């Protein structure tokens, strides 16, 4: 064994010809075994597989791709892979791709610069991929004029519709209808909204749904209170809400901020839900907080990823037309909402 820092052993890849010689078969037979073709006897197949294991042979997928024009890989471009929603969506993408025999090539974009769909596509085109999924948690600067690369089926994870790309997302607008209907059914009319950052697509549509539901009933629409998704920002805004004696309910754009709002209200002597009801979004607390009492909205993010993969692969089929797919959310009723006082 060589010393650390010494000469490395020969890393030359084993050729198909060497496998064929070791197994006593032709290179064509080895190719059939590697590619799973059925016209090889079981005895010969076992002999070839044994030679592959003994020699450490790896098929030349680059050569295979040149012949077939396929890489069996889906590109995934996203911001902030560690965000709750992105992690669950990635799990769905990986699961669906794996079941279909595809790998996933991932590129995390720099969230310090504006999202450009053209730039994301350009960077992904340098990688061996057959289709592309771009997660658009913020609206791309070139969304309106973006044209997908010819021959590269592209799916956008976004609530915004696009004429040339299929878009897939959890229905953020319907989320607000569920929340508001629940609060209205308990007699609430003075309902405040704590939003996420102004650049967040999810927050934009949740706010739009909240506003439209109040407007449709000719109810007072207060100025939204803008947070940054953290519990700390929710706490600071909750201190302001605690001084709002007209407010009987708060719709908070995510669960973390809702926890902060709740803490501030209790600290100020306002009871939840007896004095002020609270509803969050995401259903993300059960792994970190025991005995979760917060009523919230749950999204099937696994399905979001799976549907994106399915349409990314369908997109190259003849006659395929881009569509907009919205996955329905579910209201999770716990005990943070009571009848309006």
C-alpha atoms as a PDB file:
ATOM      1  CA  UNK A   1       0.000   0.000   0.000  1.00  0.00           C
ATOM      2  CA  UNK A   2       1.485   3.368  -0.969  1.00  0.00           C
ATOM      3  CA  UNK A   3       2.259   5.979   1.659  1.00  0.00           C
ATOM      4  CA  UNK A   4      -0.136   8.918   1.995  1.00  0.00           C
ATOM      5  CA  UNK A   5       1.084  11.494  -0.491  1.00  0.00           C
ATOM      6  CA  UNK A   6       2.986   8.850  -2.481  1.00  0.00           C
ATOM      7  CA  UNK A   7       2.207   7.469  -5.927  1.00  0.00           C
ATOM      8  CA  UNK A   8      -1.430   6.505  -6.343  1.00  0.00           C
ATOM      9  CA  UNK A   9      -2.315   3.073  -7.746  1.00  0.00           C
ATOM     10  CA  UNK A  10      -3.344   2.815 -11.373  1.00  0.00           C
ATOM     11  CA  UNK A  11      -6.864   4.259 -11.640  1.00  0.00           C
ATOM     12  CA  UNK A  12      -7.327   3.241 -15.286  1.00  0.00           C
ATOM     13  CA  UNK A  13     -10.945   2.178 -15.851  1.00  0.00           C
ATOM     14  CA  UNK A  14     -11.611  -1.465 -16.737  1.00  0.00           C
ATOM     15  CA  UNK A  15     -12.728  -1.859 -20.338  1.00  0.00           C
ATOM     16  CA  UNK A  16     -15.627  -3.903 -21.660  1.00  0.00           C
ATOM     17  CA  UNK A  17     -13.114  -5.932 -23.661  1.00  0.00           C
ATOM     18  CA  UNK A  18     -11.362  -7.016 -20.434  1.00  0.00           C
ATOM     19  CA  UNK A  19     -14.695  -8.106 -18.936  1.00  0.00           C
ATOM     20  CA  UNK A  20     -15.466 -10.049 -22.116  1.00  0.00           C
ATOM     21  CA  UNK A  21     -12.082 -11.868 -21.963  1.00  0.00           C
ATOM     22  CA  UNK A  22     -12.508 -12.706 -18.273  1.00  0.00           C
ATOM     23  CA  UNK A  23     -16.036 -14.063 -18.844  1.00  0.00           C
ATOM     24  CA  UNK A  24     -15.147 -15.828 -22.101  1.00  0.00           C
ATOM     25  CA  UNK A  25     -17.836 -14.012 -24.098  1.00  0.00           C
ATOM     26  CA  UNK A  26     -18.031 -11.301 -26.751  1.00  0.00           C
ATOM     27  CA  UNK A  27     -18.152  -7.572 -25.999  1.00  0.00           C
ATOM     28  CA  UNK A  28     -21.666  -7.561 -27.493  1.00  0.00           C
ATOM     29  CA  UNK A  29     -22.767 -10.077 -24.856  1.00  0.00           C
ATOM     30  CA  UNK A  30     -21.296  -7.920 -22.076  1.00  0.00           C
ATOM     31  CA  UNK A  31     -23.173  -4.919 -23.512  1.00  0.00           C
ATOM     32  CA  UNK A  32     -26.427  -6.892 -23.490  1.00  0.00           C
ATOM     33  CA  UNK A  33     -25.961  -7.838 -19.844  1.00  0.00           C
ATOM     34  CA  UNK A  34     -25.049  -4.290 -18.793  1.00  0.00           C
ATOM     35  CA  UNK A  35     -28.101  -2.865 -20.572  1.00  0.00           C
ATOM     36  CA  UNK A  36     -30.463  -5.517 -19.229  1.00  0.00           C
ATOM     37  CA  UNK A  37     -31.369  -7.080 -22.557  1.00  0.00           C
ATOM     38  CA  UNK A  38     -33.227 -10.393 -22.217  1.00  0.00           C
ATOM     39  CA  UNK A  39     -31.541 -12.385 -25.012  1.00  0.00           C
ATOM     40  CA  UNK A  40     -28.734 -13.746 -22.794  1.00  0.00           C
ATOM     41  CA  UNK A  41     -28.847 -17.119 -21.023  1.00  0.00           C
ATOM     42  CA  UNK A  42     -28.936 -17.000 -17.224  1.00  0.00           C
ATOM     43  CA  UNK A  43     -25.691 -18.977 -16.988  1.00  0.00           C
ATOM     44  CA  UNK A  44     -23.874 -16.520 -19.287  1.00  0.00           C
ATOM     45  CA  UNK A  45     -25.395 -13.539 -17.472  1.00  0.00           C
ATOM     46  CA  UNK A  46     -24.082 -14.806 -14.115  1.00  0.00           C
ATOM     47  CA  UNK A  47     -20.605 -15.337 -15.599  1.00  0.00           C
ATOM     48  CA  UNK A  48     -20.521 -11.790 -16.988  1.00  0.00           C
ATOM     49  CA  UNK A  49     -21.808 -10.287 -13.717  1.00  0.00           C
ATOM     50  CA  UNK A  50     -19.135 -12.188 -11.783  1.00  0.00           C
ATOM     51  CA  UNK A  51     -16.425 -10.767 -14.069  1.00  0.00           C
ATOM     52  CA  UNK A  52     -17.871  -7.268 -13.631  1.00  0.00           C
ATOM     53  CA  UNK A  53     -17.724  -7.624  -9.845  1.00  0.00           C
ATOM     54  CA  UNK A  54     -14.224  -9.111  -9.840  1.00  0.00           C
ATOM     55  CA  UNK A  55     -12.741  -6.486 -12.142  1.00  0.00           C
ATOM     56  CA  UNK A  56     -14.691  -3.499 -10.773  1.00  0.00           C
ATOM     57  CA  UNK A  57     -16.061  -2.617 -14.196  1.00  0.00           C
ATOM     58  CA  UNK A  58     -18.253   0.481 -14.526  1.00  0.00           C
ATOM     59  CA  UNK A  59     -20.312   0.971 -17.720  1.00  0.00           C
ATOM     60  CA  UNK A  60     -19.415   3.979 -19.840  1.00  0.00           C
ATOM     61  CA  UNK A  61     -22.627   5.937 -19.485  1.00  0.00           C
ATOM     62  CA  UNK A  62     -21.178   8.842 -21.425  1.00  0.00           C
ATOM     63  CA  UNK A  63     -20.857   6.635 -24.467  1.00  0.00           C
ATOM     64  CA  UNK A  64     -24.323   5.226 -23.907  1.00  0.00           C
ATOM     65  CA  UNK A  65     -25.735   8.742 -23.699  1.00  0.00           C
ATOM     66  CA  UNK A  66     -24.092   9.711 -26.975  1.00  0.00           C
ATOM     67  CA  UNK A  67     -25.741   6.736 -28.649  1.00  0.00           C
ATOM     68  CA  UNK A  68     -29.212   7.176 -27.105  1.00  0.00           C
ATOM     69  CA  UNK A  69     -29.334  10.956 -26.721  1.00  0.00           C
ATOM     70  CA  UNK A  70     -30.532  10.479 -23.103  1.00  0.00           C
ATOM     71  CA  UNK A  71     -28.749  10.985 -19.782  1.00  0.00           C
ATOM     72  CA  UNK A  72     -31.439   9.571 -17.474  1.00  0.00           C
ATOM     73  CA  UNK A  73     -31.026  12.605 -15.240  1.00  0.00           C
ATOM     74  CA  UNK A  74     -33.370  15.454 -14.303  1.00  0.00           C
ATOM     75  CA  UNK A  75     -31.972  18.886 -13.458  1.00  0.00           C
ATOM     76  CA  UNK A  76     -33.235  20.633 -10.336  1.00  0.00           C
ATOM     77  CA  UNK A  77     -32.419  24.290  -9.746  1.00  0.00           C
ATOM     78  CA  UNK A  78     -33.501  25.957  -6.500  1.00  0.00           C
ATOM     79  CA  UNK A  79     -32.749  28.559  -3.845  1.00  0.00           C
ATOM     80  CA  UNK A  80     -32.341  27.783  -0.127  1.00  0.00           C
ATOM     81  CA  UNK A  81     -32.396  23.995  -0.176  1.00  0.00           C
ATOM     82  CA  UNK A  82     -32.641  23.937   3.641  1.00  0.00           C
ATOM     83  CA  UNK A  83     -36.050  25.644   3.757  1.00  0.00           C
ATOM     84  CA  UNK A  84     -38.880  23.440   5.039  1.00  0.00           C
ATOM     85  CA  UNK A  85     -40.898  23.499   1.820  1.00  0.00           C
ATOM     86  CA  UNK A  86     -37.906  22.901  -0.414  1.00  0.00           C
ATOM     87  CA  UNK A  87     -36.695  19.886   1.578  1.00  0.00           C
ATOM     88  CA  UNK A  88     -40.066  18.143   1.386  1.00  0.00           C
ATOM     89  CA  UNK A  89     -40.392  18.933  -2.329  1.00  0.00           C
ATOM     90  CA  UNK A  90     -36.880  17.614  -3.052  1.00  0.00           C
ATOM     91  CA  UNK A  91     -37.837  14.369  -1.323  1.00  0.00           C
ATOM     92  CA  UNK A  92     -40.791  13.995  -3.696  1.00  0.00           C
ATOM     93  CA  UNK A  93     -38.604  14.783  -6.704  1.00  0.00           C
ATOM     94  CA  UNK A  94     -35.955  12.239  -5.686  1.00  0.00           C
ATOM     95  CA  UNK A  95     -38.569   9.558  -5.031  1.00  0.00           C
ATOM     96  CA  UNK A  96     -40.382  10.024  -8.337  1.00  0.00           C
ATOM     97  CA  UNK A  97     -37.164  10.256 -10.337  1.00  0.00           C
ATOM     98  CA  UNK A  98     -35.768   7.115  -8.703  1.00  0.00           C
ATOM     99  CA  UNK A  99     -38.911   5.118  -9.471  1.00  0.00           C
ATOM    100  CA  UNK A 100     -38.625   6.146 -13.118  1.00  0.00           C
ATOM    101  CA  UNK A 101     -34.950   5.244 -13.333  1.00  0.00           C
ATOM    102  CA  UNK A 102     -33.644   8.819 -13.290  1.00  0.00           C
ATOM    103  CA  UNK A 103     -30.993  10.510 -11.212  1.00  0.00           C
ATOM    104  CA  UNK A 104     -31.344  14.151 -10.078  1.00  0.00           C
ATOM    105  CA  UNK A 105     -28.644  16.723 -10.820  1.00  0.00           C
ATOM    106  CA  UNK A 106     -29.060  19.618  -8.384  1.00  0.00           C
ATOM    107  CA  UNK A 107     -27.858  23.200  -8.601  1.00  0.00           C
ATOM    108  CA  UNK A 108     -28.437  25.622  -5.704  1.00  0.00           C
ATOM    109  CA  UNK A 109     -28.514  29.213  -6.931  1.00  0.00           C
ATOM    110  CA  UNK A 110     -27.018  32.120  -4.989  1.00  0.00           C
ATOM    111  CA  UNK A 111     -29.901  33.790  -3.123  1.00  0.00           C
ATOM    112  CA  UNK A 112     -27.933  37.051  -2.911  1.00  0.00           C
ATOM    113  CA  UNK A 113     -28.679  37.825  -6.562  1.00  0.00           C
ATOM    114  CA  UNK A 114     -32.056  38.041  -8.357  1.00  0.00           C
ATOM    115  CA  UNK A 115     -33.353  34.799  -9.841  1.00  0.00           C
ATOM    116  CA  UNK A 116     -32.971  34.642 -13.618  1.00  0.00           C
ATOM    117  CA  UNK A 117     -34.629  31.716 -15.387  1.00  0.00           C
ATOM    118  CA  UNK A 118     -32.372  32.222 -18.414  1.00  0.00           C
ATOM    119  CA  UNK A 119     -29.253  32.094 -16.225  1.00  0.00           C
ATOM    120  CA  UNK A 120     -30.488  29.035 -14.323  1.00  0.00           C
ATOM    121  CA  UNK A 121     -31.185  27.291 -17.639  1.00  0.00           C
ATOM    122  CA  UNK A 122     -27.807  28.276 -19.058  1.00  0.00           C
ATOM    123  CA  UNK A 123     -25.983  26.808 -16.078  1.00  0.00           C
ATOM    124  CA  UNK A 124     -28.039  23.614 -16.087  1.00  0.00           C
ATOM    125  CA  UNK A 125     -27.520  23.136 -19.848  1.00  0.00           C
ATOM    126  CA  UNK A 126     -23.818  22.587 -19.147  1.00  0.00           C
ATOM    127  CA  UNK A 127     -24.789  19.468 -17.154  1.00  0.00           C
ATOM    128  CA  UNK A 128     -26.004  16.099 -18.464  1.00  0.00           C
ATOM    129  CA  UNK A 129     -29.786  16.399 -18.010  1.00  0.00           C
ATOM    130  CA  UNK A 130     -32.876  15.378 -19.989  1.00  0.00           C
ATOM    131  CA  UNK A 131     -35.387  17.759 -18.368  1.00  0.00           C
ATOM    132  CA  UNK A 132     -35.341  20.671 -15.941  1.00  0.00           C
ATOM    133  CA  UNK A 133     -37.304  21.696 -12.829  1.00  0.00           C
ATOM    134  CA  UNK A 134     -36.756  25.221 -11.478  1.00  0.00           C
ATOM    135  CA  UNK A 135     -38.059  26.096  -8.019  1.00  0.00           C
ATOM    136  CA  UNK A 136     -39.258  29.687  -8.094  1.00  0.00           C
ATOM    137  CA  UNK A 137     -39.836  30.668  -4.460  1.00  0.00           C
ATOM    138  CA  UNK A 138     -39.174  34.236  -5.578  1.00  0.00           C
ATOM    139  CA  UNK A 139     -40.439  35.693  -8.845  1.00  0.00           C
ATOM    140  CA  UNK A 140     -37.758  35.566 -11.510  1.00  0.00           C
ATOM    141  CA  UNK A 141     -36.583  38.892 -12.924  1.00  0.00           C
ATOM    142  CA  UNK A 142     -37.084  37.590 -16.483  1.00  0.00           C
ATOM    143  CA  UNK A 143     -40.266  35.572 -15.881  1.00  0.00           C
ATOM    144  CA  UNK A 144     -42.411  37.284 -18.528  1.00  0.00           C
ATOM    145  CA  UNK A 145     -39.898  37.044 -21.385  1.00  0.00           C
ATOM    146  CA  UNK A 146     -38.377  33.665 -20.482  1.00  0.00           C
ATOM    147  CA  UNK A 147     -38.328  31.054 -23.244  1.00  0.00           C
ATOM    148  CA  UNK A 148     -37.260  27.521 -22.307  1.00  0.00           C
ATOM    149  CA  UNK A 149     -34.363  25.949 -24.143  1.00  0.00           C
ATOM    150  CA  UNK A 150     -35.636  24.122 -27.264  1.00  0.00           C
ATOM    151  CA  UNK A 151     -35.595  20.394 -26.670  1.00  0.00           C
ATOM    152  CA  UNK A 152     -35.311  20.761 -22.882  1.00  0.00           C
ATOM    153  CA  UNK A 153     -38.646  20.213 -21.155  1.00  0.00           C
ATOM    154  CA  UNK A 154     -38.816  22.789 -18.335  1.00  0.00           C
ATOM    155  CA  UNK A 155     -41.214  22.857 -15.364  1.00  0.00           C
ATOM    156  CA  UNK A 156     -41.450  25.832 -12.998  1.00  0.00           C
ATOM    157  CA  UNK A 157     -42.429  25.340  -9.364  1.00  0.00           C
ATOM    158  CA  UNK A 158     -44.503  28.498  -9.034  1.00  0.00           C
ATOM    159  CA  UNK A 159     -48.020  29.860  -8.535  1.00  0.00           C
ATOM    160  CA  UNK A 160     -47.529  32.173 -11.514  1.00  0.00           C
ATOM    161  CA  UNK A 161     -48.743  30.786 -14.853  1.00  0.00           C
ATOM    162  CA  UNK A 162     -46.359  30.754 -17.810  1.00  0.00           C
ATOM    163  CA  UNK A 163     -47.393  30.375 -21.475  1.00  0.00           C
ATOM    164  CA  UNK A 164     -44.435  28.162 -22.471  1.00  0.00           C
ATOM    165  CA  UNK A 165     -43.737  26.106 -19.326  1.00  0.00           C
ATOM    166  CA  UNK A 166     -45.842  23.884 -17.134  1.00  0.00           C
ATOM    167  CA  UNK A 167     -46.098  25.329 -13.639  1.00  0.00           C
ATOM    168  CA  UNK A 168     -46.716  23.208 -10.547  1.00  0.00           C
ATOM    169  CA  UNK A 169     -47.348  24.418  -7.010  1.00  0.00           C
ATOM    170  CA  UNK A 170     -49.325  23.987  -3.825  1.00  0.00           C
ATOM    171  CA  UNK A 171     -52.369  26.231  -4.077  1.00  0.00           C
ATOM    172  CA  UNK A 172     -51.327  29.194  -1.948  1.00  0.00           C
ATOM    173  CA  UNK A 173     -54.466  31.174  -2.805  1.00  0.00           C
ATOM    174  CA  UNK A 174     -56.794  28.318  -1.849  1.00  0.00           C
ATOM    175  CA  UNK A 175     -54.835  28.083   1.406  1.00  0.00           C
ATOM    176  CA  UNK A 176     -56.179  31.505   2.387  1.00  0.00           C
ATOM    177  CA  UNK A 177     -59.739  30.597   1.450  1.00  0.00           C
ATOM    178  CA  UNK A 178     -59.593  27.590   3.799  1.00  0.00           C
ATOM    179  CA  UNK A 179     -58.218  29.707   6.652  1.00  0.00           C
ATOM    180  CA  UNK A 180     -60.676  32.562   6.185  1.00  0.00           C
ATOM    181  CA  UNK A 181     -63.711  30.276   5.854  1.00  0.00           C
ATOM    182  CA  UNK A 182     -62.690  28.617   9.117  1.00  0.00           C
ATOM    183  CA  UNK A 183     -62.346  31.961  10.907  1.00  0.00           C
ATOM    184  CA  UNK A 184     -65.590  33.301   9.434  1.00  0.00           C
ATOM    185  CA  UNK A 185     -67.410  30.183  10.630  1.00  0.00           C
ATOM    186  CA  UNK A 186     -66.333  31.112  14.168  1.00  0.00           C
ATOM    187  CA  UNK A 187     -67.715  34.614  13.803  1.00  0.00           C
ATOM    188  CA  UNK A 188     -64.446  36.469  13.209  1.00  0.00           C
ATOM    189  CA  UNK A 189     -64.591  39.675  11.174  1.00  0.00           C
ATOM    190  CA  UNK A 190     -61.542  41.626  12.412  1.00  0.00           C
ATOM    191  CA  UNK A 191     -58.809  39.377  11.010  1.00  0.00           C
ATOM    192  CA  UNK A 192     -55.232  40.618  10.807  1.00  0.00           C
ATOM    193  CA  UNK A 193     -52.585  39.193   8.476  1.00  0.00           C
ATOM    194  CA  UNK A 194     -48.890  38.618   9.207  1.00  0.00           C
ATOM    195  CA  UNK A 195     -47.113  38.145   5.884  1.00  0.00           C
ATOM    196  CA  UNK A 196     -43.724  36.827   4.904  1.00  0.00           C
ATOM    197  CA  UNK A 197     -41.154  38.900   2.969  1.00  0.00           C
ATOM    198  CA  UNK A 198     -42.519  40.925   0.057  1.00  0.00           C
ATOM    199  CA  UNK A 199     -40.368  38.977  -2.429  1.00  0.00           C
ATOM    200  CA  UNK A 200     -41.898  35.620  -1.461  1.00  0.00           C
ATOM    201  CA  UNK A 201     -44.296  34.208  -4.065  1.00  0.00           C
ATOM    202  CA  UNK A 202     -46.063  32.104  -1.405  1.00  0.00           C
ATOM    203  CA  UNK A 203     -46.646  35.122   0.814  1.00  0.00           C
ATOM    204  CA  UNK A 204     -47.923  37.232  -2.102  1.00  0.00           C
ATOM    205  CA  UNK A 205     -50.665  34.714  -2.932  1.00  0.00           C
ATOM    206  CA  UNK A 206     -51.573  34.068   0.713  1.00  0.00           C
ATOM    207  CA  UNK A 207     -51.959  37.799   1.248  1.00  0.00           C
ATOM    208  CA  UNK A 208     -54.008  38.139  -1.928  1.00  0.00           C
ATOM    209  CA  UNK A 209     -56.388  35.407  -0.763  1.00  0.00           C
ATOM    210  CA  UNK A 210     -56.801  37.013   2.682  1.00  0.00           C
ATOM    211  CA  UNK A 211     -57.509  40.411   1.151  1.00  0.00           C
ATOM    212  CA  UNK A 212     -60.003  39.061  -1.411  1.00  0.00           C
ATOM    213  CA  UNK A 213     -61.968  37.123   1.219  1.00  0.00           C
ATOM    214  CA  UNK A 214     -62.372  40.217   3.409  1.00  0.00           C
ATOM    215  CA  UNK A 215     -63.213  42.438   0.443  1.00  0.00           C
ATOM    216  CA  UNK A 216     -65.866  40.009  -0.829  1.00  0.00           C
ATOM    217  CA  UNK A 217     -67.657  40.392   2.521  1.00  0.00           C
ATOM    218  CA  UNK A 218     -67.173  44.177   2.738  1.00  0.00           C
ATOM    219  CA  UNK A 219     -65.031  43.761   5.855  1.00  0.00           C
ATOM    220  CA  UNK A 220     -62.195  45.963   7.069  1.00  0.00           C
ATOM    221  CA  UNK A 221     -58.819  45.229   5.442  1.00  0.00           C
ATOM    222  CA  UNK A 222     -55.974  46.338   7.699  1.00  0.00           C
ATOM    223  CA  UNK A 223     -52.427  46.950   6.515  1.00  0.00           C
ATOM    224  CA  UNK A 224     -50.566  43.592   6.520  1.00  0.00           C
ATOM    225  CA  UNK A 225     -47.784  43.236   9.066  1.00  0.00           C
ATOM    226  CA  UNK A 226     -44.657  42.056   7.284  1.00  0.00           C
ATOM    227  CA  UNK A 227     -42.326  39.488   8.888  1.00  0.00           C
ATOM    228  CA  UNK A 228     -39.359  37.501   7.631  1.00  0.00           C
ATOM    229  CA  UNK A 229     -40.593  33.920   8.315  1.00  0.00           C
ATOM    230  CA  UNK A 230     -38.829  33.715  11.713  1.00  0.00           C
ATOM    231  CA  UNK A 231     -40.467  33.301  15.119  1.00  0.00           C
ATOM    232  CA  UNK A 232     -38.621  36.420  16.291  1.00  0.00           C
ATOM    233  CA  UNK A 233     -40.268  38.592  13.643  1.00  0.00           C
ATOM    234  CA  UNK A 234     -43.634  37.081  14.560  1.00  0.00           C
ATOM    235  CA  UNK A 235     -43.004  37.976  18.208  1.00  0.00           C
ATOM    236  CA  UNK A 236     -42.241  41.610  17.382  1.00  0.00           C
ATOM    237  CA  UNK A 237     -45.362  41.911  15.244  1.00  0.00           C
ATOM    238  CA  UNK A 238     -47.397  40.080  17.890  1.00  0.00           C
ATOM    239  CA  UNK A 239     -46.537  42.832  20.362  1.00  0.00           C
ATOM    240  CA  UNK A 240     -48.189  45.312  17.984  1.00  0.00           C
ATOM    241  CA  UNK A 241     -51.229  43.099  17.515  1.00  0.00           C
ATOM    242  CA  UNK A 242     -51.599  42.802  21.287  1.00  0.00           C
ATOM    243  CA  UNK A 243     -52.344  46.549  21.355  1.00  0.00           C
ATOM    244  CA  UNK A 244     -55.016  46.210  18.654  1.00  0.00           C
ATOM    245  CA  UNK A 245     -58.179  45.791  20.695  1.00  0.00           C
ATOM    246  CA  UNK A 246     -60.385  45.307  17.622  1.00  0.00           C
ATOM    247  CA  UNK A 247     -58.483  42.261  16.352  1.00  0.00           C
ATOM    248  CA  UNK A 248     -60.122  38.938  17.225  1.00  0.00           C
ATOM    249  CA  UNK A 249     -58.052  36.699  14.926  1.00  0.00           C
ATOM    250  CA  UNK A 250     -54.651  36.609  13.251  1.00  0.00           C
ATOM    251  CA  UNK A 251     -53.851  34.735  10.057  1.00  0.00           C
ATOM    252  CA  UNK A 252     -50.072  34.195  10.000  1.00  0.00           C
ATOM    253  CA  UNK A 253     -48.296  33.226   6.767  1.00  0.00           C
ATOM    254  CA  UNK A 254     -46.205  30.468   8.384  1.00  0.00           C
ATOM    255  CA  UNK A 255     -46.120  28.444  11.601  1.00  0.00           C
ATOM    256  CA  UNK A 256     -42.831  29.843  12.924  1.00  0.00           C
ATOM    257  CA  UNK A 257     -44.104  33.419  12.890  1.00  0.00           C
ATOM    258  CA  UNK A 258     -47.398  32.205  14.374  1.00  0.00           C
ATOM    259  CA  UNK A 259     -45.504  30.793  17.379  1.00  0.00           C
ATOM    260  CA  UNK A 260     -43.884  34.211  17.871  1.00  0.00           C
ATOM    261  CA  UNK A 261     -47.232  36.022  17.608  1.00  0.00           C
ATOM    262  CA  UNK A 262     -48.752  33.620  20.147  1.00  0.00           C
ATOM    263  CA  UNK A 263     -45.908  34.179  22.627  1.00  0.00           C
ATOM    264  CA  UNK A 264     -46.234  37.965  22.369  1.00  0.00           C
ATOM    265  CA  UNK A 265     -50.008  37.891  22.871  1.00  0.00           C
ATOM    266  CA  UNK A 266     -49.749  35.704  25.963  1.00  0.00           C
ATOM    267  CA  UNK A 267     -46.963  37.891  27.345  1.00  0.00           C
ATOM    268  CA  UNK A 268     -49.258  40.913  26.927  1.00  0.00           C
ATOM    269  CA  UNK A 269     -52.084  39.188  28.797  1.00  0.00           C
ATOM    270  CA  UNK A 270     -54.162  38.264  25.710  1.00  0.00           C
ATOM    271  CA  UNK A 271     -55.434  34.685  25.856  1.00  0.00           C
ATOM    272  CA  UNK A 272     -55.209  32.359  22.842  1.00  0.00           C
ATOM    273  CA  UNK A 273     -57.765  31.443  21.585  1.00  0.00           C
ATOM    274  CA  UNK A 274     -60.249  32.970  24.054  1.00  0.00           C
ATOM    275  CA  UNK A 275     -59.276  36.587  23.246  1.00  0.00           C
ATOM    276  CA  UNK A 276     -57.431  36.197  19.946  1.00  0.00           C
ATOM    277  CA  UNK A 277     -57.502  33.202  17.579  1.00  0.00           C
ATOM    278  CA  UNK A 278     -54.423  32.279  15.516  1.00  0.00           C
ATOM    279  CA  UNK A 279     -53.992  30.210  12.341  1.00  0.00           C
ATOM    280  CA  UNK A 280     -50.632  29.423  10.747  1.00  0.00           C
ATOM    281  CA  UNK A 281     -49.482  27.787   7.522  1.00  0.00           C
ATOM    282  CA  UNK A 282     -47.187  24.833   6.678  1.00  0.00           C
ATOM    283  CA  UNK A 283     -47.928  22.331   9.502  1.00  0.00           C
ATOM    284  CA  UNK A 284     -44.208  22.263  10.262  1.00  0.00           C
ATOM    285  CA  UNK A 285     -44.056  22.217  14.069  1.00  0.00           C
ATOM    286  CA  UNK A 286     -44.675  18.625  15.136  1.00  0.00           C
ATOM    287  CA  UNK A 287     -41.021  17.605  14.877  1.00  0.00           C
ATOM    288  CA  UNK A 288     -39.819  20.490  17.040  1.00  0.00           C
ATOM    289  CA  UNK A 289     -42.641  21.337  19.463  1.00  0.00           C
ATOM    290  CA  UNK A 290     -44.568  18.873  21.666  1.00  0.00           C
ATOM    291  CA  UNK A 291     -48.356  19.030  21.971  1.00  0.00           C
ATOM    292  CA  UNK A 292     -48.826  21.374  19.002  1.00  0.00           C
ATOM    293  CA  UNK A 293     -52.064  23.340  19.427  1.00  0.00           C
ATOM    294  CA  UNK A 294     -51.808  25.594  16.382  1.00  0.00           C
ATOM    295  CA  UNK A 295     -54.471  25.280  13.694  1.00  0.00           C
ATOM    296  CA  UNK A 296     -52.662  25.411  10.366  1.00  0.00           C
ATOM    297  CA  UNK A 297     -52.682  24.466   6.689  1.00  0.00           C
ATOM    298  CA  UNK A 298     -50.838  21.421   5.367  1.00  0.00           C
ATOM    299  CA  UNK A 299     -49.450  21.109   1.845  1.00  0.00           C
ATOM    300  CA  UNK A 300     -48.644  17.842   0.097  1.00  0.00           C
ATOM    301  CA  UNK A 301     -45.123  18.894  -0.844  1.00  0.00           C
ATOM    302  CA  UNK A 302     -44.158  15.329  -1.701  1.00  0.00           C
ATOM    303  CA  UNK A 303     -46.873  15.344  -4.384  1.00  0.00           C
ATOM    304  CA  UNK A 304     -45.641  18.749  -5.560  1.00  0.00           C
ATOM    305  CA  UNK A 305     -42.217  17.255  -6.320  1.00  0.00           C
ATOM    306  CA  UNK A 306     -43.622  14.086  -7.852  1.00  0.00           C
ATOM    307  CA  UNK A 307     -45.975  15.920 -10.223  1.00  0.00           C
ATOM    308  CA  UNK A 308     -43.140  18.228 -11.302  1.00  0.00           C
ATOM    309  CA  UNK A 309     -40.986  15.251 -12.283  1.00  0.00           C
ATOM    310  CA  UNK A 310     -43.836  13.550 -14.144  1.00  0.00           C
ATOM    311  CA  UNK A 311     -44.529  16.634 -16.253  1.00  0.00           C
ATOM    312  CA  UNK A 312     -40.855  17.392 -16.810  1.00  0.00           C
ATOM    313  CA  UNK A 313     -40.538  13.965 -18.430  1.00  0.00           C
ATOM    314  CA  UNK A 314     -43.862  14.239 -20.287  1.00  0.00           C
ATOM    315  CA  UNK A 315     -42.907  17.617 -21.700  1.00  0.00           C
ATOM    316  CA  UNK A 316     -40.763  16.204 -24.492  1.00  0.00           C
ATOM    317  CA  UNK A 317     -43.578  13.984 -25.788  1.00  0.00           C
ATOM    318  CA  UNK A 318     -45.201  14.968 -29.115  1.00  0.00           C
ATOM    319  CA  UNK A 319     -48.297  17.092 -28.646  1.00  0.00           C
ATOM    320  CA  UNK A 320     -47.621  17.966 -25.003  1.00  0.00           C
ATOM    321  CA  UNK A 321     -49.027  21.357 -24.025  1.00  0.00           C
ATOM    322  CA  UNK A 322     -47.896  23.370 -20.975  1.00  0.00           C
ATOM    323  CA  UNK A 323     -50.432  23.471 -18.158  1.00  0.00           C
ATOM    324  CA  UNK A 324     -50.831  24.969 -14.691  1.00  0.00           C
ATOM    325  CA  UNK A 325     -51.265  22.483 -11.850  1.00  0.00           C
ATOM    326  CA  UNK A 326     -52.320  23.527  -8.355  1.00  0.00           C
ATOM    327  CA  UNK A 327     -52.295  20.939  -5.568  1.00  0.00           C
ATOM    328  CA  UNK A 328     -55.051  21.435  -3.001  1.00  0.00           C
ATOM    329  CA  UNK A 329     -54.061  22.105   0.634  1.00  0.00           C
ATOM    330  CA  UNK A 330     -55.698  20.714   3.777  1.00  0.00           C
ATOM    331  CA  UNK A 331     -56.823  22.600   6.888  1.00  0.00           C
ATOM    332  CA  UNK A 332     -55.462  20.993  10.079  1.00  0.00           C
ATOM    333  CA  UNK A 333     -57.845  21.985  12.881  1.00  0.00           C
ATOM    334  CA  UNK A 334     -56.396  22.022  16.387  1.00  0.00           C
ATOM    335  CA  UNK A 335     -57.364  24.341  19.256  1.00  0.00           C
ATOM    336  CA  UNK A 336     -55.989  27.811  18.511  1.00  0.00           C
ATOM    337  CA  UNK A 337     -59.320  29.080  17.150  1.00  0.00           C
ATOM    338  CA  UNK A 338     -62.403  29.870  19.247  1.00  0.00           C
ATOM    339  CA  UNK A 339     -65.628  31.760  18.577  1.00  0.00           C
ATOM    340  CA  UNK A 340     -65.147  35.517  18.303  1.00  0.00           C
ATOM    341  CA  UNK A 341     -65.768  37.241  21.620  1.00  0.00           C
END
